[in-house]
Amino acid sequence: MKYSELKQAAREGRASVHLHGFCNLPDVGQEYCDDLAEIDGWAIYVRVETPDDPQQPFDLHELPDHPTFESAKGASRAIALELLGDAEAWHHD
């Protein structure tokens, strides 16, 4: 998804910024994790609702992972400010 598409979705109220912890799996994959003792990093993504697509209600635009919550929180705030005009308009899932 292009940046211009993200900005347009934000103007239309269809975009949101999300942050969540993940843990690394033995098979080199990752999965959502909410246990602070097991979190290996923090993922940030922009979720864009796709109301005209009944099979896929939203698209995700993944951003680079962060090693600490504080760095991910700062990045989430910056993205929310840039896209949504409000540094506090991000969600900690």
PDB file of N, CA and C in Angstrom:
ATOM      1  N   MET A   1       0.843  -1.167   0.000  1.00  0.00           N
ATOM      2  CA  MET A   1       0.000   0.000   0.000  1.00  0.00           C
ATOM      3  C   MET A   1       0.896   1.240   0.000  1.00  0.00           C
ATOM      4  N   LYS A   2       0.597   2.154  -0.880  1.00  0.00           N
ATOM      5  CA  LYS A   2       1.370   3.381  -1.010  1.00  0.00           C
ATOM      6  C   LYS A   2       1.030   4.341   0.134  1.00  0.00           C
ATOM      7  N   TYR A   3       1.995   5.208   0.441  1.00  0.00           N
ATOM      8  CA  TYR A   3       1.786   6.195   1.499  1.00  0.00           C
ATOM      9  C   TYR A   3       0.579   7.080   1.191  1.00  0.00           C
ATOM     10  N   SER A   4       0.419   7.467  -0.069  1.00  0.00           N
ATOM     11  CA  SER A   4      -0.722   8.320  -0.434  1.00  0.00           C
ATOM     12  C   SER A   4      -2.049   7.614  -0.150  1.00  0.00           C
ATOM     13  N   GLU A   5      -2.077   6.285  -0.314  1.00  0.00           N
ATOM     14  CA  GLU A   5      -3.285   5.521  -0.014  1.00  0.00           C
ATOM     15  C   GLU A   5      -3.550   5.477   1.495  1.00  0.00           C
ATOM     16  N   LEU A   6      -2.481   5.373   2.279  1.00  0.00           N
ATOM     17  CA  LEU A   6      -2.633   5.408   3.734  1.00  0.00           C
ATOM     18  C   LEU A   6      -3.176   6.760   4.185  1.00  0.00           C
ATOM     19  N   LYS A   7      -2.625   7.832   3.633  1.00  0.00           N
ATOM     20  CA  LYS A   7      -3.080   9.183   3.986  1.00  0.00           C
ATOM     21  C   LYS A   7      -4.548   9.367   3.606  1.00  0.00           C
ATOM     22  N   GLN A   8      -4.935   8.890   2.435  1.00  0.00           N
ATOM     23  CA  GLN A   8      -6.326   9.011   2.004  1.00  0.00           C
ATOM     24  C   GLN A   8      -7.240   8.225   2.936  1.00  0.00           C
ATOM     25  N   ALA A   9      -6.850   7.024   3.293  1.00  0.00           N
ATOM     26  CA  ALA A   9      -7.647   6.214   4.212  1.00  0.00           C
ATOM     27  C   ALA A   9      -7.763   6.905   5.573  1.00  0.00           C
ATOM     28  N   ALA A  10      -6.690   7.539   6.014  1.00  0.00           N
ATOM     29  CA  ALA A  10      -6.728   8.273   7.285  1.00  0.00           C
ATOM     30  C   ALA A  10      -7.698   9.447   7.198  1.00  0.00           C
ATOM     31  N   ARG A  11      -7.667  10.172   6.086  1.00  0.00           N
ATOM     32  CA  ARG A  11      -8.596  11.294   5.906  1.00  0.00           C
ATOM     33  C   ARG A  11     -10.047  10.822   5.924  1.00  0.00           C
ATOM     34  N   GLU A  12     -10.274   9.614   5.438  1.00  0.00           N
ATOM     35  CA  GLU A  12     -11.623   9.047   5.385  1.00  0.00           C
ATOM     36  C   GLU A  12     -12.019   8.356   6.695  1.00  0.00           C
ATOM     37  N   GLY A  13     -11.113   8.330   7.667  1.00  0.00           N
ATOM     38  CA  GLY A  13     -11.411   7.691   8.944  1.00  0.00           C
ATOM     39  C   GLY A  13     -11.330   6.182   8.921  1.00  0.00           C
ATOM     40  N   ARG A  14     -10.603   5.625   7.939  1.00  0.00           N
ATOM     41  CA  ARG A  14     -10.512   4.167   7.800  1.00  0.00           C
ATOM     42  C   ARG A  14      -9.181   3.598   8.275  1.00  0.00           C
ATOM     43  N   ALA A  15      -8.288   4.437   8.811  1.00  0.00           N
ATOM     44  CA  ALA A  15      -6.957   3.968   9.208  1.00  0.00           C
ATOM     45  C   ALA A  15      -6.780   4.077  10.723  1.00  0.00           C
ATOM     46  N   SER A  16      -6.035   3.134  11.275  1.00  0.00           N
ATOM     47  CA  SER A  16      -5.689   3.170  12.690  1.00  0.00           C
ATOM     48  C   SER A  16      -4.286   2.604  12.870  1.00  0.00           C
ATOM     49  N   VAL A  17      -3.589   3.065  13.902  1.00  0.00           N
ATOM     50  CA  VAL A  17      -2.209   2.652  14.182  1.00  0.00           C
ATOM     51  C   VAL A  17      -2.234   1.711  15.383  1.00  0.00           C
ATOM     52  N   HIS A  18      -1.535   0.572  15.259  1.00  0.00           N
ATOM     53  CA  HIS A  18      -1.546  -0.458  16.302  1.00  0.00           C
ATOM     54  C   HIS A  18      -0.123  -0.874  16.670  1.00  0.00           C
ATOM     55  N   LEU A  19       0.025  -1.246  17.936  1.00  0.00           N
ATOM     56  CA  LEU A  19       1.307  -1.692  18.485  1.00  0.00           C
ATOM     57  C   LEU A  19       1.032  -2.933  19.336  1.00  0.00           C
ATOM     58  N   HIS A  20       1.825  -3.967  19.166  1.00  0.00           N
ATOM     59  CA  HIS A  20       1.688  -5.139  20.028  1.00  0.00           C
ATOM     60  C   HIS A  20       3.011  -5.878  20.143  1.00  0.00           C
ATOM     61  N   GLY A  21       3.141  -6.630  21.228  1.00  0.00           N
ATOM     62  CA  GLY A  21       4.333  -7.432  21.448  1.00  0.00           C
ATOM     63  C   GLY A  21       4.268  -8.729  20.668  1.00  0.00           C
ATOM     64  N   PHE A  22       5.449  -9.271  20.386  1.00  0.00           N
ATOM     65  CA  PHE A  22       5.520 -10.575  19.733  1.00  0.00           C
ATOM     66  C   PHE A  22       6.635 -11.396  20.369  1.00  0.00           C
ATOM     67  N   CYS A  23       6.545 -12.707  20.199  1.00  0.00           N
ATOM     68  CA  CYS A  23       7.637 -13.586  20.609  1.00  0.00           C
ATOM     69  C   CYS A  23       8.076 -14.388  19.384  1.00  0.00           C
ATOM     70  N   ASN A  24       9.364 -14.692  19.371  1.00  0.00           N
ATOM     71  CA  ASN A  24       9.936 -15.480  18.277  1.00  0.00           C
ATOM     72  C   ASN A  24       9.672 -16.961  18.530  1.00  0.00           C
ATOM     73  N   LEU A  25       9.347 -17.671  17.468  1.00  0.00           N
ATOM     74  CA  LEU A  25       9.065 -19.100  17.551  1.00  0.00           C
ATOM     75  C   LEU A  25      10.275 -19.909  17.111  1.00  0.00           C
ATOM     76  N   PRO A  26      10.373 -21.160  17.540  1.00  0.00           N
ATOM     77  CA  PRO A  26      11.514 -21.990  17.146  1.00  0.00           C
ATOM     78  C   PRO A  26      11.658 -22.155  15.638  1.00  0.00           C
ATOM     79  N   ASP A  27      10.544 -22.083  14.896  1.00  0.00           N
ATOM     80  CA  ASP A  27      10.608 -22.252  13.436  1.00  0.00           C
ATOM     81  C   ASP A  27      10.917 -20.936  12.722  1.00  0.00           C
ATOM     82  N   VAL A  28      11.399 -19.939  13.444  1.00  0.00           N
ATOM     83  CA  VAL A  28      11.802 -18.628  12.947  1.00  0.00           C
ATOM     84  C   VAL A  28      10.596 -17.712  12.692  1.00  0.00           C
ATOM     85  N   GLY A  29       9.413 -18.183  12.979  1.00  0.00           N
ATOM     86  CA  GLY A  29       8.231 -17.334  12.857  1.00  0.00           C
ATOM     87  C   GLY A  29       8.051 -16.460  14.085  1.00  0.00           C
ATOM     88  N   GLN A  30       6.981 -15.708  14.091  1.00  0.00           N
ATOM     89  CA  GLN A  30       6.637 -14.859  15.222  1.00  0.00           C
ATOM     90  C   GLN A  30       5.145 -15.005  15.494  1.00  0.00           C
ATOM     91  N   GLU A  31       4.762 -14.755  16.747  1.00  0.00           N
ATOM     92  CA  GLU A  31       3.355 -14.730  17.081  1.00  0.00           C
ATOM     93  C   GLU A  31       3.095 -13.654  18.122  1.00  0.00           C
ATOM     94  N   TYR A  32       1.833 -13.196  18.131  1.00  0.00           N
ATOM     95  CA  TYR A  32       1.397 -12.200  19.098  1.00  0.00           C
ATOM     96  C   TYR A  32       1.696 -12.700  20.513  1.00  0.00           C
ATOM     97  N   CYS A  33       2.108 -11.799  21.384  1.00  0.00           N
ATOM     98  CA  CYS A  33       2.415 -12.175  22.757  1.00  0.00           C
ATOM     99  C   CYS A  33       2.055 -11.012  23.678  1.00  0.00           C
ATOM    100  N   ASP A  34       1.373 -11.320  24.775  1.00  0.00           N
ATOM    101  CA  ASP A  34       1.054 -10.263  25.733  1.00  0.00           C
ATOM    102  C   ASP A  34       1.703 -10.498  27.095  1.00  0.00           C
ATOM    103  N   ASP A  35       2.565 -11.525  27.195  1.00  0.00           N
ATOM    104  CA  ASP A  35       3.297 -11.802  28.424  1.00  0.00           C
ATOM    105  C   ASP A  35       4.631 -11.034  28.364  1.00  0.00           C
ATOM    106  N   LEU A  36       4.738  -9.992  29.183  1.00  0.00           N
ATOM    107  CA  LEU A  36       5.934  -9.137  29.128  1.00  0.00           C
ATOM    108  C   LEU A  36       7.237  -9.913  29.314  1.00  0.00           C
ATOM    109  N   ALA A  37       7.213 -11.005  30.061  1.00  0.00           N
ATOM    110  CA  ALA A  37       8.423 -11.803  30.280  1.00  0.00           C
ATOM    111  C   ALA A  37       8.867 -12.552  29.030  1.00  0.00           C
ATOM    112  N   GLU A  38       7.958 -12.746  28.075  1.00  0.00           N
ATOM    113  CA  GLU A  38       8.277 -13.522  26.873  1.00  0.00           C
ATOM    114  C   GLU A  38       8.389 -12.685  25.603  1.00  0.00           C
ATOM    115  N   ILE A  39       8.072 -11.421  25.656  1.00  0.00           N
ATOM    116  CA  ILE A  39       8.098 -10.575  24.461  1.00  0.00           C
ATOM    117  C   ILE A  39       9.527 -10.392  23.966  1.00  0.00           C
ATOM    118  N   ASP A  40       9.715 -10.657  22.679  1.00  0.00           N
ATOM    119  CA  ASP A  40      11.031 -10.491  22.048  1.00  0.00           C
ATOM    120  C   ASP A  40      11.145  -9.178  21.289  1.00  0.00           C
ATOM    121  N   GLY A  41      10.032  -8.550  20.997  1.00  0.00           N
ATOM    122  CA  GLY A  41      10.045  -7.292  20.252  1.00  0.00           C
ATOM    123  C   GLY A  41       8.645  -6.748  20.114  1.00  0.00           C
ATOM    124  N   TRP A  42       8.548  -5.629  19.414  1.00  0.00           N
ATOM    125  CA  TRP A  42       7.284  -4.915  19.283  1.00  0.00           C
ATOM    126  C   TRP A  42       6.996  -4.628  17.828  1.00  0.00           C
ATOM    127  N   ALA A  43       5.787  -4.956  17.396  1.00  0.00           N
ATOM    128  CA  ALA A  43       5.362  -4.759  16.011  1.00  0.00           C
ATOM    129  C   ALA A  43       4.424  -3.558  15.934  1.00  0.00           C
ATOM    130  N   ILE A  44       4.539  -2.805  14.865  1.00  0.00           N
ATOM    131  CA  ILE A  44       3.659  -1.670  14.594  1.00  0.00           C
ATOM    132  C   ILE A  44       3.051  -1.896  13.219  1.00  0.00           C
ATOM    133  N   TYR A  45       1.758  -1.618  13.108  1.00  0.00           N
ATOM    134  CA  TYR A  45       1.127  -1.706  11.796  1.00  0.00           C
ATOM    135  C   TYR A  45       0.011  -0.684  11.694  1.00  0.00           C
ATOM    136  N   VAL A  46      -0.294  -0.315  10.457  1.00  0.00           N
ATOM    137  CA  VAL A  46      -1.435   0.539  10.172  1.00  0.00           C
ATOM    138  C   VAL A  46      -2.511  -0.363   9.588  1.00  0.00           C
ATOM    139  N   ARG A  47      -3.676  -0.307  10.190  1.00  0.00           N
ATOM    140  CA  ARG A  47      -4.828  -1.098   9.731  1.00  0.00           C
ATOM    141  C   ARG A  47      -5.744  -0.177   8.937  1.00  0.00           C
ATOM    142  N   VAL A  48      -6.083  -0.595   7.723  1.00  0.00           N
ATOM    143  CA  VAL A  48      -6.952   0.196   6.851  1.00  0.00           C
ATOM    144  C   VAL A  48      -8.195  -0.626   6.536  1.00  0.00           C
ATOM    145  N   GLU A  49      -9.336  -0.119   6.960  1.00  0.00           N
ATOM    146  CA  GLU A  49     -10.595  -0.796   6.684  1.00  0.00           C
ATOM    147  C   GLU A  49     -10.876  -0.789   5.181  1.00  0.00           C
ATOM    148  N   THR A  50     -11.394  -1.898   4.698  1.00  0.00           N
ATOM    149  CA  THR A  50     -11.761  -2.034   3.283  1.00  0.00           C
ATOM    150  C   THR A  50     -13.231  -2.425   3.204  1.00  0.00           C
ATOM    151  N   PRO A  51     -14.126  -1.470   3.417  1.00  0.00           N
ATOM    152  CA  PRO A  51     -15.556  -1.779   3.498  1.00  0.00           C
ATOM    153  C   PRO A  51     -16.157  -2.348   2.214  1.00  0.00           C
ATOM    154  N   ASP A  52     -15.525  -2.128   1.082  1.00  0.00           N
ATOM    155  CA  ASP A  52     -16.058  -2.632  -0.186  1.00  0.00           C
ATOM    156  C   ASP A  52     -15.585  -4.039  -0.521  1.00  0.00           C
ATOM    157  N   ASP A  53     -14.804  -4.650   0.381  1.00  0.00           N
ATOM    158  CA  ASP A  53     -14.277  -5.992   0.145  1.00  0.00           C
ATOM    159  C   ASP A  53     -14.834  -6.941   1.202  1.00  0.00           C
ATOM    160  N   PRO A  54     -15.890  -7.690   0.895  1.00  0.00           N
ATOM    161  CA  PRO A  54     -16.518  -8.555   1.898  1.00  0.00           C
ATOM    162  C   PRO A  54     -15.634  -9.718   2.361  1.00  0.00           C
ATOM    163  N   GLN A  55     -14.635 -10.086   1.582  1.00  0.00           N
ATOM    164  CA  GLN A  55     -13.776 -11.201   1.972  1.00  0.00           C
ATOM    165  C   GLN A  55     -12.587 -10.760   2.807  1.00  0.00           C
ATOM    166  N   GLN A  56     -12.217  -9.501   2.721  1.00  0.00           N
ATOM    167  CA  GLN A  56     -11.087  -8.991   3.498  1.00  0.00           C
ATOM    168  C   GLN A  56     -11.474  -7.627   4.049  1.00  0.00           C
ATOM    169  N   PRO A  57     -11.933  -7.573   5.301  1.00  0.00           N
ATOM    170  CA  PRO A  57     -12.466  -6.324   5.850  1.00  0.00           C
ATOM    171  C   PRO A  57     -11.414  -5.258   6.139  1.00  0.00           C
ATOM    172  N   PHE A  58     -10.128  -5.617   6.068  1.00  0.00           N
ATOM    173  CA  PHE A  58      -9.086  -4.623   6.272  1.00  0.00           C
ATOM    174  C   PHE A  58      -7.766  -5.098   5.672  1.00  0.00           C
ATOM    175  N   ASP A  59      -6.902  -4.133   5.387  1.00  0.00           N
ATOM    176  CA  ASP A  59      -5.525  -4.387   4.946  1.00  0.00           C
ATOM    177  C   ASP A  59      -4.597  -3.963   6.067  1.00  0.00           C
ATOM    178  N   LEU A  60      -3.428  -4.593   6.136  1.00  0.00           N
ATOM    179  CA  LEU A  60      -2.418  -4.213   7.107  1.00  0.00           C
ATOM    180  C   LEU A  60      -1.174  -3.715   6.389  1.00  0.00           C
ATOM    181  N   HIS A  61      -0.635  -2.623   6.889  1.00  0.00           N
ATOM    182  CA  HIS A  61       0.639  -2.108   6.400  1.00  0.00           C
ATOM    183  C   HIS A  61       1.611  -2.231   7.565  1.00  0.00           C
ATOM    184  N   GLU A  62       2.491  -3.221   7.491  1.00  0.00           N
ATOM    185  CA  GLU A  62       3.425  -3.485   8.586  1.00  0.00           C
ATOM    186  C   GLU A  62       4.621  -2.558   8.486  1.00  0.00           C
ATOM    187  N   LEU A  63       5.075  -2.104   9.641  1.00  0.00           N
ATOM    188  CA  LEU A  63       6.230  -1.224   9.739  1.00  0.00           C
ATOM    189  C   LEU A  63       7.361  -1.988  10.430  1.00  0.00           C
ATOM    190  N   PRO A  64       8.586  -1.465  10.407  1.00  0.00           N
ATOM    191  CA  PRO A  64       9.695  -2.196  11.033  1.00  0.00           C
ATOM    192  C   PRO A  64       9.445  -2.480  12.524  1.00  0.00           C
ATOM    193  N   ASP A  65       9.902  -3.652  12.964  1.00  0.00           N
ATOM    194  CA  ASP A  65       9.791  -4.033  14.368  1.00  0.00           C
ATOM    195  C   ASP A  65      10.731  -3.196  15.230  1.00  0.00           C
ATOM    196  N   HIS A  66      10.432  -3.145  16.515  1.00  0.00           N
ATOM    197  CA  HIS A  66      11.246  -2.399  17.474  1.00  0.00           C
ATOM    198  C   HIS A  66      11.645  -3.323  18.618  1.00  0.00           C
ATOM    199  N   PRO A  67      12.858  -3.148  19.156  1.00  0.00           N
ATOM    200  CA  PRO A  67      13.321  -4.034  20.222  1.00  0.00           C
ATOM    201  C   PRO A  67      12.734  -3.705  21.594  1.00  0.00           C
ATOM    202  N   THR A  68      12.308  -2.460  21.814  1.00  0.00           N
ATOM    203  CA  THR A  68      11.784  -2.073  23.119  1.00  0.00           C
ATOM    204  C   THR A  68      10.417  -1.415  22.978  1.00  0.00           C
ATOM    205  N   PHE A  69       9.651  -1.492  24.049  1.00  0.00           N
ATOM    206  CA  PHE A  69       8.340  -0.850  24.044  1.00  0.00           C
ATOM    207  C   PHE A  69       8.477   0.655  23.875  1.00  0.00           C
ATOM    208  N   GLU A  70       9.454   1.252  24.539  1.00  0.00           N
ATOM    209  CA  GLU A  70       9.611   2.708  24.463  1.00  0.00           C
ATOM    210  C   GLU A  70       9.904   3.174  23.043  1.00  0.00           C
ATOM    211  N   SER A  71      10.755   2.463  22.309  1.00  0.00           N
ATOM    212  CA  SER A  71      11.032   2.876  20.928  1.00  0.00           C
ATOM    213  C   SER A  71       9.810   2.659  20.045  1.00  0.00           C
ATOM    214  N   ALA A  72       9.084   1.554  20.265  1.00  0.00           N
ATOM    215  CA  ALA A  72       7.871   1.282  19.486  1.00  0.00           C
ATOM    216  C   ALA A  72       6.783   2.305  19.807  1.00  0.00           C
ATOM    217  N   LYS A  73       6.667   2.684  21.075  1.00  0.00           N
ATOM    218  CA  LYS A  73       5.682   3.686  21.473  1.00  0.00           C
ATOM    219  C   LYS A  73       5.992   5.021  20.800  1.00  0.00           C
ATOM    220  N   GLY A  74       7.272   5.419  20.794  1.00  0.00           N
ATOM    221  CA  GLY A  74       7.658   6.668  20.132  1.00  0.00           C
ATOM    222  C   GLY A  74       7.345   6.637  18.648  1.00  0.00           C
ATOM    223  N   ALA A  75       7.632   5.515  18.004  1.00  0.00           N
ATOM    224  CA  ALA A  75       7.336   5.384  16.568  1.00  0.00           C
ATOM    225  C   ALA A  75       5.830   5.402  16.325  1.00  0.00           C
ATOM    226  N   SER A  76       5.068   4.739  17.183  1.00  0.00           N
ATOM    227  CA  SER A  76       3.604   4.724  17.038  1.00  0.00           C
ATOM    228  C   SER A  76       3.032   6.123  17.173  1.00  0.00           C
ATOM    229  N   ARG A  77       3.544   6.871  18.123  1.00  0.00           N
ATOM    230  CA  ARG A  77       3.083   8.249  18.314  1.00  0.00           C
ATOM    231  C   ARG A  77       3.392   9.097  17.085  1.00  0.00           C
ATOM    232  N   ALA A  78       4.597   8.947  16.535  1.00  0.00           N
ATOM    233  CA  ALA A  78       4.989   9.727  15.356  1.00  0.00           C
ATOM    234  C   ALA A  78       4.120   9.377  14.152  1.00  0.00           C
ATOM    235  N   ILE A  79       3.844   8.097  13.959  1.00  0.00           N
ATOM    236  CA  ILE A  79       3.018   7.665  12.826  1.00  0.00           C
ATOM    237  C   ILE A  79       1.586   8.158  13.003  1.00  0.00           C
ATOM    238  N   ALA A  80       1.058   8.036  14.228  1.00  0.00           N
ATOM    239  CA  ALA A  80      -0.307   8.511  14.495  1.00  0.00           C
ATOM    240  C   ALA A  80      -0.415  10.013  14.269  1.00  0.00           C
ATOM    241  N   LEU A  81       0.592  10.752  14.679  1.00  0.00           N
ATOM    242  CA  LEU A  81       0.583  12.198  14.468  1.00  0.00           C
ATOM    243  C   LEU A  81       0.610  12.518  12.980  1.00  0.00           C
ATOM    244  N   GLU A  82       1.481  11.853  12.250  1.00  0.00           N
ATOM    245  CA  GLU A  82       1.619  12.110  10.818  1.00  0.00           C
ATOM    246  C   GLU A  82       0.366  11.712  10.033  1.00  0.00           C
ATOM    247  N   LEU A  83      -0.162  10.526  10.302  1.00  0.00           N
ATOM    248  CA  LEU A  83      -1.310  10.041   9.535  1.00  0.00           C
ATOM    249  C   LEU A  83      -2.653  10.570  10.044  1.00  0.00           C
ATOM    250  N   LEU A  84      -2.794  10.609  11.368  1.00  0.00           N
ATOM    251  CA  LEU A  84      -4.097  10.880  11.961  1.00  0.00           C
ATOM    252  C   LEU A  84      -4.209  12.261  12.598  1.00  0.00           C
ATOM    253  N   GLY A  85      -3.065  12.966  12.696  1.00  0.00           N
ATOM    254  CA  GLY A  85      -3.086  14.304  13.282  1.00  0.00           C
ATOM    255  C   GLY A  85      -3.161  14.309  14.793  1.00  0.00           C
ATOM    256  N   ASP A  86      -2.954  13.150  15.444  1.00  0.00           N
ATOM    257  CA  ASP A  86      -3.040  13.045  16.896  1.00  0.00           C
ATOM    258  C   ASP A  86      -2.039  11.997  17.367  1.00  0.00           C
ATOM    259  N   ALA A  87      -1.023  12.429  18.105  1.00  0.00           N
ATOM    260  CA  ALA A  87       0.031  11.527  18.553  1.00  0.00           C
ATOM    261  C   ALA A  87      -0.476  10.459  19.506  1.00  0.00           C
ATOM    262  N   GLU A  88      -1.646  10.671  20.108  1.00  0.00           N
ATOM    263  CA  GLU A  88      -2.186   9.688  21.047  1.00  0.00           C
ATOM    264  C   GLU A  88      -3.200   8.747  20.411  1.00  0.00           C
ATOM    265  N   ALA A  89      -3.388   8.838  19.104  1.00  0.00           N
ATOM    266  CA  ALA A  89      -4.409   8.034  18.408  1.00  0.00           C
ATOM    267  C   ALA A  89      -3.856   6.694  17.934  1.00  0.00           C
ATOM    268  N   TRP A  90      -3.142   5.998  18.800  1.00  0.00           N
ATOM    269  CA  TRP A  90      -2.632   4.666  18.479  1.00  0.00           C
ATOM    270  C   TRP A  90      -3.180   3.686  19.525  1.00  0.00           C
ATOM    271  N   HIS A  91      -3.170   2.414  19.178  1.00  0.00           N
ATOM    272  CA  HIS A  91      -3.748   1.384  20.040  1.00  0.00           C
ATOM    273  C   HIS A  91      -2.680   0.393  20.458  1.00  0.00           C
ATOM    274  N   HIS A  92      -2.644   0.099  21.743  1.00  0.00           N
ATOM    275  CA  HIS A  92      -1.759  -0.959  22.266  1.00  0.00           C
ATOM    276  C   HIS A  92      -2.592  -2.215  22.399  1.00  0.00           C
ATOM    277  N   ASP A  93      -2.440  -3.126  21.450  1.00  0.00           N
ATOM    278  CA  ASP A  93      -3.275  -4.335  21.407  1.00  0.00           C
ATOM    279  C   ASP A  93      -2.683  -5.431  22.273  1.00  0.00           C
TER     280      ASP A  93
END
